[in-house]
Amino acid sequence: MKANSKVRARVMDTVTRLFYEQGFQATGINQIIEESEVAKASLYEHFPSKEAILQAYLEDATAQWRSEFEEFCKGKAAGDKTILALFDYRKFLAVKRGFKGCTFIRVVYEMPNLDKAALEVILRHKEYIRKMLKENIALLPSRRSPKEVEELAEMIVSLYEGCGVQSSLERSARSIDSARKIAQKLLE
């Protein structure tokens, strides 16, 4: 590993914690520099702006989410088992993170005028989930038209996103469990 990639890794480890715990806007460059123990010049050599740090944070969070979700799904059959695993994974993350919410939705709520590049990373992540749902719905034994697959995927996305927000409000997995049961019924 190059020395400069160590700088990037330290910065990313630091912002991953700070952005999630206290938010992007409440986290200053000086705090990032101090807590990641990098020189200001080194930080700016890797990230020309705080927005570039946010972009890297979101890209890293997307890659980590996908990798961990795929690992979480290992051994589960494609189709309804993978779809329901999405809710199980949301519950796992919610409990692990103290019901503080989805990394991506937190950024959107905090910054309604989010720059286009960062928003595109979030939208690609959400589209990955939507596409995965469609692919797995298409594998189910009951035959559905492409329109029905699309509609069912949208319903499950709404359940998935809604239960994430509700679990943060309630500081409980109850809404995730309920959404999973509804999704299971929709898949029958």
N, C-alpha and C. Protein backbone atom coordinates (compact mmCIF):
# COMPACT_ATOMS: atom_id res chain seq x y z
N MET A 1 0.85 -1.19 0.00
CA MET A 1 0.00 0.00 0.00
C MET A 1 0.89 1.24 0.00
N LYS A 2 0.58 2.16 -0.87
CA LYS A 2 1.35 3.41 -0.93
C LYS A 2 1.04 4.27 0.28
N ALA A 3 1.99 5.13 0.61
CA ALA A 3 1.80 6.03 1.75
C ALA A 3 0.57 6.91 1.54
N ASN A 4 0.39 7.39 0.30
CA ASN A 4 -0.75 8.28 0.07
C ASN A 4 -2.08 7.54 0.19
N SER A 5 -2.12 6.24 -0.10
CA SER A 5 -3.36 5.51 0.08
C SER A 5 -3.64 5.29 1.56
N LYS A 6 -2.59 5.30 2.38
CA LYS A 6 -2.79 5.23 3.83
C LYS A 6 -3.45 6.52 4.33
N VAL A 7 -3.07 7.63 3.74
CA VAL A 7 -3.70 8.91 4.09
C VAL A 7 -5.18 8.86 3.75
N ARG A 8 -5.47 8.40 2.54
CA ARG A 8 -6.88 8.30 2.12
C ARG A 8 -7.65 7.38 3.06
N ALA A 9 -7.07 6.25 3.39
CA ALA A 9 -7.74 5.29 4.28
C ALA A 9 -8.02 5.91 5.65
N ARG A 10 -7.06 6.64 6.19
CA ARG A 10 -7.27 7.28 7.50
C ARG A 10 -8.38 8.33 7.42
N VAL A 11 -8.35 9.11 6.36
CA VAL A 11 -9.40 10.12 6.19
C VAL A 11 -10.76 9.45 6.05
N MET A 12 -10.84 8.41 5.23
CA MET A 12 -12.13 7.74 5.00
C MET A 12 -12.63 7.05 6.27
N ASP A 13 -11.74 6.44 7.03
CA ASP A 13 -12.16 5.83 8.30
C ASP A 13 -12.74 6.90 9.23
N THR A 14 -12.09 8.04 9.26
CA THR A 14 -12.53 9.13 10.13
C THR A 14 -13.87 9.69 9.68
N VAL A 15 -14.00 10.01 8.39
CA VAL A 15 -15.26 10.62 7.93
C VAL A 15 -16.41 9.63 7.96
N THR A 16 -16.12 8.35 7.78
CA THR A 16 -17.19 7.36 7.87
C THR A 16 -17.82 7.41 9.25
N ARG A 17 -17.01 7.52 10.25
CA ARG A 17 -17.52 7.62 11.62
C ARG A 17 -18.18 8.98 11.87
N LEU A 18 -17.48 10.06 11.52
CA LEU A 18 -17.99 11.41 11.83
C LEU A 18 -19.25 11.77 11.05
N PHE A 19 -19.25 11.51 9.75
CA PHE A 19 -20.42 11.87 8.95
C PHE A 19 -21.66 11.11 9.42
N TYR A 20 -21.47 9.84 9.77
CA TYR A 20 -22.63 9.07 10.22
C TYR A 20 -23.08 9.50 11.62
N GLU A 21 -22.13 9.73 12.50
CA GLU A 21 -22.48 10.07 13.88
C GLU A 21 -22.99 11.51 14.04
N GLN A 22 -22.32 12.47 13.41
CA GLN A 22 -22.69 13.87 13.67
C GLN A 22 -23.18 14.60 12.44
N GLY A 23 -23.07 14.00 11.25
CA GLY A 23 -23.55 14.62 10.03
C GLY A 23 -22.44 15.32 9.25
N PHE A 24 -22.69 15.51 7.99
CA PHE A 24 -21.72 16.14 7.09
C PHE A 24 -21.50 17.60 7.46
N GLN A 25 -22.59 18.34 7.64
CA GLN A 25 -22.47 19.77 7.88
C GLN A 25 -21.85 20.09 9.23
N ALA A 26 -22.05 19.24 10.21
CA ALA A 26 -21.48 19.48 11.54
C ALA A 26 -20.01 19.06 11.64
N THR A 27 -19.52 18.41 10.61
CA THR A 27 -18.14 17.94 10.61
C THR A 27 -17.28 18.91 9.81
N GLY A 28 -16.32 19.52 10.47
CA GLY A 28 -15.46 20.48 9.79
C GLY A 28 -14.18 19.84 9.28
N ILE A 29 -13.56 20.51 8.33
CA ILE A 29 -12.29 20.05 7.76
C ILE A 29 -11.23 19.92 8.85
N ASN A 30 -11.16 20.89 9.74
CA ASN A 30 -10.15 20.83 10.81
C ASN A 30 -10.34 19.62 11.71
N GLN A 31 -11.59 19.26 11.99
CA GLN A 31 -11.86 18.07 12.79
C GLN A 31 -11.41 16.81 12.04
N ILE A 32 -11.68 16.76 10.75
CA ILE A 32 -11.26 15.61 9.93
C ILE A 32 -9.73 15.48 9.95
N ILE A 33 -9.05 16.60 9.74
CA ILE A 33 -7.58 16.61 9.74
C ILE A 33 -7.05 16.14 11.09
N GLU A 34 -7.60 16.69 12.16
CA GLU A 34 -7.13 16.36 13.50
C GLU A 34 -7.38 14.89 13.84
N GLU A 35 -8.58 14.43 13.61
CA GLU A 35 -8.92 13.06 14.02
C GLU A 35 -8.33 11.99 13.11
N SER A 36 -8.07 12.33 11.86
CA SER A 36 -7.44 11.34 10.97
C SER A 36 -5.92 11.43 11.03
N GLU A 37 -5.42 12.44 11.72
CA GLU A 37 -3.98 12.65 11.91
C GLU A 37 -3.24 12.72 10.58
N VAL A 38 -3.75 13.59 9.71
CA VAL A 38 -3.08 13.85 8.43
C VAL A 38 -2.80 15.34 8.32
N ALA A 39 -1.84 15.66 7.51
CA ALA A 39 -1.53 17.07 7.26
C ALA A 39 -2.59 17.66 6.34
N LYS A 40 -2.83 18.94 6.51
CA LYS A 40 -3.82 19.63 5.68
C LYS A 40 -3.48 19.49 4.19
N ALA A 41 -2.20 19.64 3.86
CA ALA A 41 -1.78 19.51 2.46
C ALA A 41 -2.05 18.10 1.93
N SER A 42 -1.84 17.09 2.76
CA SER A 42 -2.10 15.70 2.35
C SER A 42 -3.60 15.48 2.10
N LEU A 43 -4.42 16.04 2.98
CA LEU A 43 -5.86 15.92 2.80
C LEU A 43 -6.28 16.51 1.46
N TYR A 44 -5.82 17.74 1.20
CA TYR A 44 -6.22 18.42 -0.04
C TYR A 44 -5.57 17.81 -1.28
N GLU A 45 -4.48 17.09 -1.09
CA GLU A 45 -3.86 16.38 -2.22
C GLU A 45 -4.78 15.24 -2.68
N HIS A 46 -5.49 14.64 -1.73
CA HIS A 46 -6.39 13.53 -2.03
C HIS A 46 -7.82 13.98 -2.32
N PHE A 47 -8.23 15.05 -1.67
CA PHE A 47 -9.61 15.54 -1.77
C PHE A 47 -9.58 17.05 -1.93
N PRO A 48 -9.90 17.57 -3.11
CA PRO A 48 -9.81 19.01 -3.33
C PRO A 48 -10.84 19.84 -2.56
N SER A 49 -11.89 19.17 -2.04
CA SER A 49 -12.93 19.91 -1.31
C SER A 49 -13.64 18.97 -0.35
N LYS A 50 -14.42 19.54 0.53
CA LYS A 50 -15.21 18.74 1.45
C LYS A 50 -16.26 17.95 0.67
N GLU A 51 -16.76 18.52 -0.42
CA GLU A 51 -17.73 17.81 -1.27
C GLU A 51 -17.09 16.58 -1.90
N ALA A 52 -15.80 16.67 -2.24
CA ALA A 52 -15.09 15.51 -2.79
C ALA A 52 -14.96 14.42 -1.73
N ILE A 53 -14.79 14.83 -0.48
CA ILE A 53 -14.75 13.85 0.62
C ILE A 53 -16.12 13.17 0.74
N LEU A 54 -17.18 13.96 0.67
CA LEU A 54 -18.53 13.40 0.74
C LEU A 54 -18.76 12.39 -0.39
N GLN A 55 -18.35 12.76 -1.59
CA GLN A 55 -18.50 11.87 -2.74
C GLN A 55 -17.78 10.54 -2.49
N ALA A 56 -16.55 10.60 -2.00
CA ALA A 56 -15.78 9.39 -1.71
C ALA A 56 -16.44 8.58 -0.60
N TYR A 57 -16.96 9.28 0.41
CA TYR A 57 -17.66 8.62 1.52
C TYR A 57 -18.86 7.83 1.00
N LEU A 58 -19.65 8.45 0.14
CA LEU A 58 -20.83 7.78 -0.41
C LEU A 58 -20.46 6.61 -1.31
N GLU A 59 -19.42 6.79 -2.11
CA GLU A 59 -18.97 5.70 -2.98
C GLU A 59 -18.46 4.53 -2.15
N ASP A 60 -17.68 4.82 -1.11
CA ASP A 60 -17.19 3.76 -0.23
C ASP A 60 -18.34 3.07 0.50
N ALA A 61 -19.32 3.86 0.96
CA ALA A 61 -20.47 3.29 1.66
C ALA A 61 -21.27 2.38 0.73
N THR A 62 -21.40 2.77 -0.52
CA THR A 62 -22.10 1.94 -1.50
C THR A 62 -21.37 0.61 -1.70
N ALA A 63 -20.08 0.68 -1.91
CA ALA A 63 -19.29 -0.54 -2.12
C ALA A 63 -19.35 -1.45 -0.90
N GLN A 64 -19.26 -0.87 0.28
CA GLN A 64 -19.31 -1.65 1.51
C GLN A 64 -20.68 -2.29 1.68
N TRP A 65 -21.75 -1.52 1.44
CA TRP A 65 -23.11 -2.05 1.58
C TRP A 65 -23.30 -3.24 0.65
N ARG A 66 -22.92 -3.09 -0.61
CA ARG A 66 -23.08 -4.18 -1.58
C ARG A 66 -22.31 -5.42 -1.17
N SER A 67 -21.07 -5.23 -0.79
CA SER A 67 -20.22 -6.35 -0.39
C SER A 67 -20.80 -7.07 0.82
N GLU A 68 -21.20 -6.31 1.82
CA GLU A 68 -21.74 -6.91 3.03
C GLU A 68 -23.10 -7.57 2.77
N PHE A 69 -23.92 -6.96 1.93
CA PHE A 69 -25.23 -7.57 1.61
C PHE A 69 -25.03 -8.87 0.85
N GLU A 70 -24.12 -8.89 -0.11
CA GLU A 70 -23.85 -10.12 -0.85
C GLU A 70 -23.34 -11.21 0.07
N GLU A 71 -22.49 -10.85 1.01
CA GLU A 71 -22.00 -11.82 2.00
C GLU A 71 -23.15 -12.30 2.88
N PHE A 72 -24.02 -11.39 3.28
CA PHE A 72 -25.18 -11.70 4.11
C PHE A 72 -26.10 -12.69 3.40
N CYS A 73 -26.18 -12.60 2.09
CA CYS A 73 -27.07 -13.45 1.29
C CYS A 73 -26.47 -14.79 0.91
N LYS A 74 -25.19 -14.98 1.17
CA LYS A 74 -24.56 -16.26 0.81
C LYS A 74 -25.33 -17.41 1.43
N GLY A 75 -25.60 -18.41 0.61
CA GLY A 75 -26.32 -19.58 1.08
C GLY A 75 -27.83 -19.44 1.01
N LYS A 76 -28.32 -18.25 0.67
CA LYS A 76 -29.76 -18.06 0.54
C LYS A 76 -30.12 -18.23 -0.94
N ALA A 77 -31.22 -18.91 -1.18
CA ALA A 77 -31.66 -19.12 -2.56
C ALA A 77 -32.10 -17.79 -3.16
N ALA A 78 -31.85 -17.65 -4.46
CA ALA A 78 -32.34 -16.46 -5.16
C ALA A 78 -33.86 -16.48 -5.15
N GLY A 79 -34.46 -15.34 -5.38
CA GLY A 79 -35.91 -15.24 -5.34
C GLY A 79 -36.37 -14.64 -4.03
N ASP A 80 -37.41 -15.23 -3.45
CA ASP A 80 -37.99 -14.64 -2.24
C ASP A 80 -37.02 -14.62 -1.05
N LYS A 81 -36.13 -15.59 -0.95
CA LYS A 81 -35.17 -15.61 0.17
C LYS A 81 -34.23 -14.42 0.11
N THR A 82 -33.78 -14.06 -1.08
CA THR A 82 -32.89 -12.90 -1.23
C THR A 82 -33.65 -11.61 -0.99
N ILE A 83 -34.89 -11.55 -1.47
CA ILE A 83 -35.70 -10.34 -1.26
C ILE A 83 -35.93 -10.13 0.24
N LEU A 84 -36.30 -11.18 0.94
CA LEU A 84 -36.55 -11.05 2.38
C LEU A 84 -35.26 -10.79 3.15
N ALA A 85 -34.14 -11.27 2.61
CA ALA A 85 -32.84 -10.99 3.24
C ALA A 85 -32.54 -9.49 3.25
N LEU A 86 -33.10 -8.76 2.29
CA LEU A 86 -32.92 -7.32 2.27
C LEU A 86 -33.44 -6.69 3.56
N PHE A 87 -34.59 -7.16 4.02
CA PHE A 87 -35.17 -6.66 5.28
C PHE A 87 -34.37 -7.17 6.48
N ASP A 88 -33.92 -8.41 6.42
CA ASP A 88 -33.10 -8.95 7.51
C ASP A 88 -31.79 -8.16 7.63
N TYR A 89 -31.23 -7.80 6.49
CA TYR A 89 -29.99 -7.03 6.49
C TYR A 89 -30.24 -5.61 7.04
N ARG A 90 -31.36 -5.02 6.64
CA ARG A 90 -31.71 -3.69 7.19
C ARG A 90 -31.83 -3.77 8.70
N LYS A 91 -32.46 -4.81 9.20
CA LYS A 91 -32.61 -4.98 10.65
C LYS A 91 -31.24 -5.15 11.31
N PHE A 92 -30.39 -5.96 10.72
CA PHE A 92 -29.04 -6.16 11.24
C PHE A 92 -28.30 -4.83 11.36
N LEU A 93 -28.35 -4.02 10.28
CA LEU A 93 -27.66 -2.72 10.29
C LEU A 93 -28.30 -1.77 11.30
N ALA A 94 -29.62 -1.76 11.36
CA ALA A 94 -30.33 -0.85 12.27
C ALA A 94 -29.92 -1.12 13.72
N VAL A 95 -29.91 -2.38 14.09
CA VAL A 95 -29.53 -2.75 15.46
C VAL A 95 -28.06 -2.40 15.71
N LYS A 96 -27.21 -2.78 14.76
CA LYS A 96 -25.77 -2.53 14.89
C LYS A 96 -25.46 -1.04 15.05
N ARG A 97 -26.19 -0.21 14.32
CA ARG A 97 -25.93 1.24 14.32
C ARG A 97 -26.80 2.02 15.30
N GLY A 98 -27.53 1.33 16.14
CA GLY A 98 -28.34 2.02 17.15
C GLY A 98 -29.54 2.75 16.56
N PHE A 99 -30.10 2.24 15.47
CA PHE A 99 -31.30 2.79 14.84
C PHE A 99 -31.13 4.25 14.41
N LYS A 100 -29.95 4.56 13.89
CA LYS A 100 -29.68 5.93 13.45
C LYS A 100 -30.00 6.15 11.97
N GLY A 101 -30.43 5.12 11.28
CA GLY A 101 -30.90 5.30 9.92
C GLY A 101 -29.92 4.93 8.83
N CYS A 102 -30.44 4.98 7.63
CA CYS A 102 -29.69 4.67 6.41
C CYS A 102 -28.67 5.77 6.13
N THR A 103 -27.45 5.37 5.88
CA THR A 103 -26.36 6.31 5.56
C THR A 103 -26.78 7.28 4.46
N PHE A 104 -27.39 6.77 3.42
CA PHE A 104 -27.71 7.56 2.24
C PHE A 104 -28.89 8.51 2.49
N ILE A 105 -29.91 8.02 3.14
CA ILE A 105 -31.07 8.85 3.44
C ILE A 105 -30.70 9.95 4.44
N ARG A 106 -29.82 9.63 5.36
CA ARG A 106 -29.36 10.66 6.33
C ARG A 106 -28.72 11.83 5.59
N VAL A 107 -27.92 11.55 4.59
CA VAL A 107 -27.26 12.61 3.81
C VAL A 107 -28.30 13.43 3.06
N VAL A 108 -29.26 12.76 2.44
CA VAL A 108 -30.30 13.47 1.68
C VAL A 108 -31.12 14.36 2.59
N TYR A 109 -31.50 13.87 3.77
CA TYR A 109 -32.28 14.68 4.71
C TYR A 109 -31.50 15.87 5.21
N GLU A 110 -30.23 15.65 5.47
CA GLU A 110 -29.39 16.71 6.00
C GLU A 110 -29.14 17.81 4.96
N MET A 111 -29.06 17.40 3.70
CA MET A 111 -28.67 18.33 2.65
C MET A 111 -29.67 18.27 1.49
N PRO A 112 -30.82 18.93 1.62
CA PRO A 112 -31.82 18.87 0.56
C PRO A 112 -31.33 19.42 -0.79
N ASN A 113 -30.30 20.26 -0.76
CA ASN A 113 -29.72 20.79 -2.01
C ASN A 113 -28.40 20.10 -2.32
N LEU A 114 -28.36 18.81 -2.09
CA LEU A 114 -27.18 17.99 -2.31
C LEU A 114 -26.67 18.16 -3.74
N ASP A 115 -25.35 18.24 -3.89
CA ASP A 115 -24.82 18.43 -5.24
C ASP A 115 -25.11 17.20 -6.11
N LYS A 116 -25.13 17.42 -7.40
CA LYS A 116 -25.55 16.41 -8.36
C LYS A 116 -24.70 15.14 -8.29
N ALA A 117 -23.40 15.27 -8.15
CA ALA A 117 -22.52 14.10 -8.13
C ALA A 117 -22.82 13.20 -6.93
N ALA A 118 -23.00 13.79 -5.76
CA ALA A 118 -23.30 13.00 -4.56
C ALA A 118 -24.68 12.36 -4.67
N LEU A 119 -25.64 13.12 -5.16
CA LEU A 119 -26.99 12.58 -5.33
C LEU A 119 -26.99 11.40 -6.31
N GLU A 120 -26.20 11.49 -7.36
CA GLU A 120 -26.13 10.39 -8.33
C GLU A 120 -25.58 9.12 -7.70
N VAL A 121 -24.63 9.23 -6.78
CA VAL A 121 -24.12 8.04 -6.08
C VAL A 121 -25.25 7.39 -5.29
N ILE A 122 -26.02 8.21 -4.59
CA ILE A 122 -27.14 7.69 -3.78
C ILE A 122 -28.19 7.05 -4.68
N LEU A 123 -28.53 7.71 -5.78
CA LEU A 123 -29.53 7.17 -6.69
C LEU A 123 -29.06 5.86 -7.33
N ARG A 124 -27.79 5.75 -7.65
CA ARG A 124 -27.25 4.49 -8.19
C ARG A 124 -27.37 3.37 -7.15
N HIS A 125 -27.11 3.70 -5.90
CA HIS A 125 -27.25 2.70 -4.84
C HIS A 125 -28.70 2.23 -4.74
N LYS A 126 -29.62 3.16 -4.73
CA LYS A 126 -31.04 2.80 -4.63
C LYS A 126 -31.50 2.03 -5.88
N GLU A 127 -30.96 2.38 -7.02
CA GLU A 127 -31.29 1.66 -8.26
C GLU A 127 -30.74 0.24 -8.21
N TYR A 128 -29.59 0.04 -7.61
CA TYR A 128 -29.04 -1.31 -7.43
C TYR A 128 -30.03 -2.17 -6.65
N ILE A 129 -30.61 -1.62 -5.60
CA ILE A 129 -31.59 -2.36 -4.80
C ILE A 129 -32.82 -2.68 -5.65
N ARG A 130 -33.32 -1.69 -6.34
CA ARG A 130 -34.49 -1.87 -7.20
C ARG A 130 -34.24 -2.96 -8.25
N LYS A 131 -33.09 -2.92 -8.89
CA LYS A 131 -32.74 -3.90 -9.92
C LYS A 131 -32.64 -5.30 -9.32
N MET A 132 -32.01 -5.40 -8.15
CA MET A 132 -31.90 -6.69 -7.47
C MET A 132 -33.28 -7.25 -7.17
N LEU A 133 -34.18 -6.40 -6.72
CA LEU A 133 -35.55 -6.84 -6.43
C LEU A 133 -36.23 -7.35 -7.70
N LYS A 134 -36.15 -6.61 -8.77
CA LYS A 134 -36.78 -7.03 -10.03
C LYS A 134 -36.23 -8.38 -10.50
N GLU A 135 -34.92 -8.53 -10.43
CA GLU A 135 -34.30 -9.79 -10.86
C GLU A 135 -34.79 -10.96 -10.02
N ASN A 136 -34.92 -10.75 -8.72
CA ASN A 136 -35.36 -11.83 -7.85
C ASN A 136 -36.86 -12.08 -7.93
N ILE A 137 -37.65 -11.05 -8.17
CA ILE A 137 -39.09 -11.24 -8.37
C ILE A 137 -39.32 -12.06 -9.64
N ALA A 138 -38.54 -11.79 -10.67
CA ALA A 138 -38.68 -12.52 -11.94
C ALA A 138 -38.37 -14.01 -11.77
N LEU A 139 -37.63 -14.38 -10.74
CA LEU A 139 -37.28 -15.78 -10.50
C LEU A 139 -38.35 -16.55 -9.73
N LEU A 140 -39.34 -15.86 -9.21
CA LEU A 140 -40.38 -16.52 -8.41
C LEU A 140 -41.23 -17.42 -9.29
N PRO A 141 -41.78 -18.49 -8.69
CA PRO A 141 -42.56 -19.45 -9.49
C PRO A 141 -43.82 -18.85 -10.13
N SER A 142 -44.47 -17.93 -9.44
CA SER A 142 -45.67 -17.32 -10.03
C SER A 142 -45.25 -16.38 -11.15
N ARG A 143 -45.86 -16.54 -12.28
CA ARG A 143 -45.53 -15.74 -13.47
C ARG A 143 -46.13 -14.35 -13.34
N ARG A 144 -45.31 -13.35 -13.58
CA ARG A 144 -45.75 -11.96 -13.55
C ARG A 144 -45.31 -11.29 -14.84
N SER A 145 -46.13 -10.39 -15.31
CA SER A 145 -45.75 -9.62 -16.50
C SER A 145 -44.64 -8.65 -16.10
N PRO A 146 -43.91 -8.11 -17.07
CA PRO A 146 -42.88 -7.12 -16.74
C PRO A 146 -43.45 -5.94 -15.94
N LYS A 147 -44.66 -5.53 -16.28
CA LYS A 147 -45.29 -4.43 -15.54
C LYS A 147 -45.56 -4.83 -14.09
N GLU A 148 -46.02 -6.06 -13.88
CA GLU A 148 -46.29 -6.53 -12.51
C GLU A 148 -44.99 -6.66 -11.71
N VAL A 149 -43.92 -7.10 -12.36
CA VAL A 149 -42.62 -7.18 -11.69
C VAL A 149 -42.18 -5.79 -11.25
N GLU A 150 -42.32 -4.83 -12.16
CA GLU A 150 -41.95 -3.43 -11.87
C GLU A 150 -42.76 -2.89 -10.70
N GLU A 151 -44.07 -3.10 -10.73
CA GLU A 151 -44.95 -2.60 -9.68
C GLU A 151 -44.63 -3.24 -8.33
N LEU A 152 -44.42 -4.54 -8.33
CA LEU A 152 -44.10 -5.23 -7.08
C LEU A 152 -42.76 -4.76 -6.52
N ALA A 153 -41.79 -4.58 -7.39
CA ALA A 153 -40.49 -4.06 -6.95
C ALA A 153 -40.65 -2.68 -6.32
N GLU A 154 -41.45 -1.82 -6.92
CA GLU A 154 -41.68 -0.48 -6.36
C GLU A 154 -42.36 -0.54 -5.00
N MET A 155 -43.32 -1.46 -4.85
CA MET A 155 -43.98 -1.62 -3.55
C MET A 155 -42.98 -2.05 -2.48
N ILE A 156 -42.11 -2.99 -2.84
CA ILE A 156 -41.14 -3.50 -1.87
C ILE A 156 -40.08 -2.43 -1.55
N VAL A 157 -39.69 -1.65 -2.55
CA VAL A 157 -38.76 -0.54 -2.29
C VAL A 157 -39.39 0.44 -1.30
N SER A 158 -40.67 0.75 -1.51
CA SER A 158 -41.36 1.68 -0.60
C SER A 158 -41.41 1.11 0.82
N LEU A 159 -41.71 -0.16 0.93
CA LEU A 159 -41.71 -0.81 2.25
C LEU A 159 -40.33 -0.72 2.89
N TYR A 160 -39.32 -1.05 2.10
CA TYR A 160 -37.95 -1.08 2.58
C TYR A 160 -37.49 0.29 3.07
N GLU A 161 -37.72 1.31 2.25
CA GLU A 161 -37.30 2.67 2.64
C GLU A 161 -38.12 3.18 3.81
N GLY A 162 -39.42 2.93 3.78
CA GLY A 162 -40.29 3.41 4.86
C GLY A 162 -39.97 2.78 6.20
N CYS A 163 -39.71 1.48 6.20
CA CYS A 163 -39.43 0.83 7.49
C CYS A 163 -38.09 1.30 8.05
N GLY A 164 -37.17 1.68 7.18
CA GLY A 164 -35.89 2.21 7.66
C GLY A 164 -36.08 3.53 8.40
N VAL A 165 -36.88 4.40 7.82
CA VAL A 165 -37.16 5.69 8.46
C VAL A 165 -37.93 5.48 9.76
N GLN A 166 -38.96 4.63 9.71
CA GLN A 166 -39.78 4.39 10.90
C GLN A 166 -38.98 3.76 12.03
N SER A 167 -38.07 2.85 11.69
CA SER A 167 -37.26 2.23 12.75
C SER A 167 -36.36 3.26 13.43
N SER A 168 -35.91 4.25 12.67
CA SER A 168 -35.11 5.33 13.27
C SER A 168 -35.95 6.17 14.21
N LEU A 169 -37.17 6.46 13.82
CA LEU A 169 -38.05 7.26 14.67
C LEU A 169 -38.39 6.53 15.96
N GLU A 170 -38.67 5.24 15.84
CA GLU A 170 -39.10 4.45 16.99
C GLU A 170 -37.94 3.88 17.79
N ARG A 171 -36.73 3.90 17.19
CA ARG A 171 -35.57 3.25 17.81
C ARG A 171 -35.88 1.79 18.12
N SER A 172 -36.47 1.15 17.09
CA SER A 172 -36.94 -0.22 17.24
C SER A 172 -36.95 -0.92 15.88
N ALA A 173 -36.85 -2.23 15.90
CA ALA A 173 -36.91 -3.03 14.66
C ALA A 173 -38.33 -3.44 14.31
N ARG A 174 -39.30 -3.02 15.10
CA ARG A 174 -40.69 -3.42 14.90
C ARG A 174 -41.17 -3.15 13.48
N SER A 175 -40.91 -1.97 12.96
CA SER A 175 -41.40 -1.62 11.61
C SER A 175 -40.67 -2.44 10.53
N ILE A 176 -39.43 -2.80 10.76
CA ILE A 176 -38.70 -3.63 9.80
C ILE A 176 -39.30 -5.03 9.77
N ASP A 177 -39.60 -5.56 10.95
CA ASP A 177 -40.25 -6.88 11.03
C ASP A 177 -41.61 -6.86 10.33
N SER A 178 -42.38 -5.81 10.56
CA SER A 178 -43.70 -5.69 9.93
C SER A 178 -43.57 -5.57 8.41
N ALA A 179 -42.64 -4.76 7.95
CA ALA A 179 -42.44 -4.59 6.51
C ALA A 179 -42.02 -5.91 5.86
N ARG A 180 -41.18 -6.66 6.55
CA ARG A 180 -40.77 -7.97 6.03
C ARG A 180 -41.98 -8.89 5.87
N LYS A 181 -42.87 -8.90 6.86
CA LYS A 181 -44.07 -9.74 6.79
C LYS A 181 -44.96 -9.31 5.62
N ILE A 182 -45.10 -8.02 5.42
CA ILE A 182 -45.90 -7.52 4.29
C ILE A 182 -45.25 -7.94 2.97
N ALA A 183 -43.94 -7.77 2.87
CA ALA A 183 -43.23 -8.18 1.65
C ALA A 183 -43.43 -9.67 1.39
N GLN A 184 -43.35 -10.47 2.44
CA GLN A 184 -43.53 -11.90 2.29
C GLN A 184 -44.91 -12.22 1.73
N LYS A 185 -45.94 -11.53 2.22
CA LYS A 185 -47.29 -11.74 1.71
C LYS A 185 -47.42 -11.30 0.25
N LEU A 186 -46.77 -10.18 -0.08
CA LEU A 186 -46.81 -9.70 -1.47
C LEU A 186 -46.16 -10.69 -2.44
N LEU A 187 -45.19 -11.43 -1.94
CA LEU A 187 -44.45 -12.35 -2.80
C LEU A 187 -45.18 -13.68 -3.01
N GLU A 188 -46.21 -13.94 -2.23
CA GLU A 188 -46.95 -15.22 -2.35
C GLU A 188 -47.72 -15.31 -3.65
